[in-house]
């Protein structure tokens, strides 16, 4: 193999490796963002269900409170 061909292959390798690293970083960022989005959605659904349950609890308990006469 000639020296020119070796240098050409070395040059191509030095260009391909950083590009591959950037692609990996982009894919990792995308996966992490998707995971964060799913996590936030699950938390918000849990909070909404909890608040809905608290609202129903308050409405039921308010109906059971004795009425006080006003003066």
Protein backbone atom coordinates (compact mmCIF):
# COMPACT_ATOMS: atom_id res chain seq x y z
CA UNK A 1 0.00 0.00 0.00
CA UNK A 2 1.45 3.35 -0.99
CA UNK A 3 2.04 6.21 1.42
CA UNK A 4 -0.56 8.38 -0.35
CA UNK A 5 -3.27 5.76 0.10
CA UNK A 6 -2.36 5.33 3.77
CA UNK A 7 -2.53 9.10 4.34
CA UNK A 8 -5.86 9.29 2.52
CA UNK A 9 -7.32 6.54 4.70
CA UNK A 10 -5.96 8.21 7.83
CA UNK A 11 -7.49 11.52 6.74
CA UNK A 12 -10.86 9.91 6.09
CA UNK A 13 -10.77 8.17 9.47
CA UNK A 14 -10.05 11.47 11.22
CA UNK A 15 -13.10 12.98 9.53
CA UNK A 16 -15.45 10.03 10.12
CA UNK A 17 -14.76 9.56 13.84
CA UNK A 18 -15.90 13.04 14.98
CA UNK A 19 -18.95 12.82 12.71
CA UNK A 20 -19.88 9.48 14.29
CA UNK A 21 -19.43 10.99 17.74
CA UNK A 22 -21.76 13.87 16.86
CA UNK A 23 -24.37 11.47 15.51
CA UNK A 24 -24.16 9.43 18.71
CA UNK A 25 -24.53 12.56 20.85
CA UNK A 26 -27.59 13.68 18.85
CA UNK A 27 -29.27 10.30 19.20
CA UNK A 28 -28.48 10.17 22.92
CA UNK A 29 -29.90 13.67 23.42
CA UNK A 30 -33.06 12.71 21.56
CA UNK A 31 -33.50 9.55 23.64
CA UNK A 32 -32.94 11.47 26.88
CA UNK A 33 -35.42 14.18 25.89
CA UNK A 34 -38.03 11.56 25.04
CA UNK A 35 -37.47 9.84 28.38
CA UNK A 36 -37.79 13.15 30.22
CA UNK A 37 -41.00 13.94 28.33
CA UNK A 38 -42.50 10.55 29.24
CA UNK A 39 -41.49 11.00 32.86
CA UNK A 40 -43.03 14.47 33.08
CA UNK A 41 -46.21 13.22 31.46
CA UNK A 42 -46.49 10.37 33.97
CA UNK A 43 -45.93 12.76 36.88
CA UNK A 44 -48.52 15.21 35.59
CA UNK A 45 -51.08 12.42 35.13
CA UNK A 46 -50.41 11.20 38.67
CA UNK A 47 -50.85 14.71 40.07
CA UNK A 48 -54.04 15.23 38.05
CA UNK A 49 -55.48 11.94 39.31
CA UNK A 50 -54.53 12.85 42.87
CA UNK A 51 -56.16 16.26 42.60
CA UNK A 52 -59.27 14.76 41.04
CA UNK A 53 -59.51 12.34 43.95
CA UNK A 54 -59.00 15.18 46.45
CA UNK A 55 -61.71 17.23 44.73
CA UNK A 56 -64.20 14.37 44.94
CA UNK A 57 -63.22 13.78 48.59
CA UNK A 58 -63.81 17.45 49.45
CA UNK A 59 -67.16 17.57 47.67
CA UNK A 60 -68.37 14.42 49.45
CA UNK A 61 -67.18 15.63 52.85
CA UNK A 62 -68.66 19.10 52.38
CA UNK A 63 -72.04 17.53 51.72
CA UNK A 64 -71.81 15.73 55.08
CA UNK A 65 -71.04 18.86 57.12
CA UNK A 66 -73.91 20.02 59.31
CA UNK A 67 -75.49 23.27 58.25
CA UNK A 68 -75.02 26.13 60.72
CA UNK A 69 -77.77 28.65 61.07
CA UNK A 70 -76.80 32.17 60.14
CA UNK A 71 -77.78 35.12 62.36
